[in-house]
Amino acid sequence: MEDEDALNVFDRGYLEYKQFDHYCKEGIRFVTRLKNNACVEVLKEL
């Protein structure tokens, strides 16, 4: 079981988008560097 306060960090070479979708649905926090051609949708700027 993961610590709910954990922040997972992935290298740009790790491109498991389905896994990233799973993390988002489960509320698992993570950061990764995106490729230059990644399509993103900004939800909110802080």
C-alpha atoms as a PDB file:
ATOM      1  CA  MET A   1       0.000   0.000   0.000  1.00  0.00           C
ATOM      2  CA  GLU A   2       1.344   3.401  -0.936  1.00  0.00           C
ATOM      3  CA  ASP A   3       1.620   6.229   1.534  1.00  0.00           C
ATOM      4  CA  GLU A   4      -1.194   8.654   0.684  1.00  0.00           C
ATOM      5  CA  ASP A   5       1.241  11.555   1.136  1.00  0.00           C
ATOM      6  CA  ALA A   6       3.688  10.097  -1.412  1.00  0.00           C
ATOM      7  CA  LEU A   7       4.610  12.021  -4.537  1.00  0.00           C
ATOM      8  CA  ASN A   8       5.759   9.733  -7.341  1.00  0.00           C
ATOM      9  CA  VAL A   9       8.370  11.117  -9.759  1.00  0.00           C
ATOM     10  CA  PHE A  10       8.879   9.635 -13.227  1.00  0.00           C
ATOM     11  CA  ASP A  11      11.501  10.272 -15.860  1.00  0.00           C
ATOM     12  CA  ARG A  12      10.476  11.416 -19.327  1.00  0.00           C
ATOM     13  CA  GLY A  13      11.422   7.947 -20.624  1.00  0.00           C
ATOM     14  CA  TYR A  14       8.561   6.355 -18.647  1.00  0.00           C
ATOM     15  CA  LEU A  15       5.556   6.706 -20.944  1.00  0.00           C
ATOM     16  CA  GLU A  16       2.812   4.570 -19.494  1.00  0.00           C
ATOM     17  CA  TYR A  17      -0.104   6.892 -20.224  1.00  0.00           C
ATOM     18  CA  LYS A  18      -2.701   4.323 -19.175  1.00  0.00           C
ATOM     19  CA  GLN A  19      -0.925   4.055 -15.827  1.00  0.00           C
ATOM     20  CA  PHE A  20      -0.915   7.860 -15.518  1.00  0.00           C
ATOM     21  CA  ASP A  21      -4.678   7.830 -16.202  1.00  0.00           C
ATOM     22  CA  HIS A  22      -5.076   5.236 -13.438  1.00  0.00           C
ATOM     23  CA  TYR A  23      -3.082   7.397 -11.022  1.00  0.00           C
ATOM     24  CA  CYS A  24      -5.293  10.384 -11.820  1.00  0.00           C
ATOM     25  CA  LYS A  25      -8.492   8.389 -11.268  1.00  0.00           C
ATOM     26  CA  GLU A  26      -7.185   7.027  -7.961  1.00  0.00           C
ATOM     27  CA  GLY A  27      -5.905  10.399  -6.723  1.00  0.00           C
ATOM     28  CA  ILE A  28      -2.290   9.202  -6.713  1.00  0.00           C
ATOM     29  CA  ARG A  29       0.018  12.198  -6.970  1.00  0.00           C
ATOM     30  CA  PHE A  30       2.815  12.160  -9.528  1.00  0.00           C
ATOM     31  CA  VAL A  31       5.026  14.437 -11.601  1.00  0.00           C
ATOM     32  CA  THR A  32       6.821  13.766 -14.854  1.00  0.00           C
ATOM     33  CA  ARG A  33       8.447  15.755 -17.615  1.00  0.00           C
ATOM     34  CA  LEU A  34       6.399  15.745 -20.790  1.00  0.00           C
ATOM     35  CA  LYS A  35       7.657  15.306 -24.298  1.00  0.00           C
ATOM     36  CA  ASN A  36       7.606  18.413 -26.494  1.00  0.00           C
ATOM     37  CA  ASN A  37       4.683  17.091 -28.562  1.00  0.00           C
ATOM     38  CA  ALA A  38       2.439  16.201 -25.600  1.00  0.00           C
ATOM     39  CA  CYS A  39      -1.140  17.455 -25.781  1.00  0.00           C
ATOM     40  CA  VAL A  40      -2.215  18.973 -22.479  1.00  0.00           C
ATOM     41  CA  GLU A  41      -5.274  20.734 -21.140  1.00  0.00           C
ATOM     42  CA  VAL A  42      -4.671  23.413 -18.519  1.00  0.00           C
ATOM     43  CA  LEU A  43      -7.391  23.107 -15.889  1.00  0.00           C
ATOM     44  CA  LYS A  44      -6.264  25.897 -13.601  1.00  0.00           C
ATOM     45  CA  GLU A  45      -3.273  28.184 -13.307  1.00  0.00           C
ATOM     46  CA  LEU A  46      -2.027  29.151  -9.867  1.00  0.00           C
END
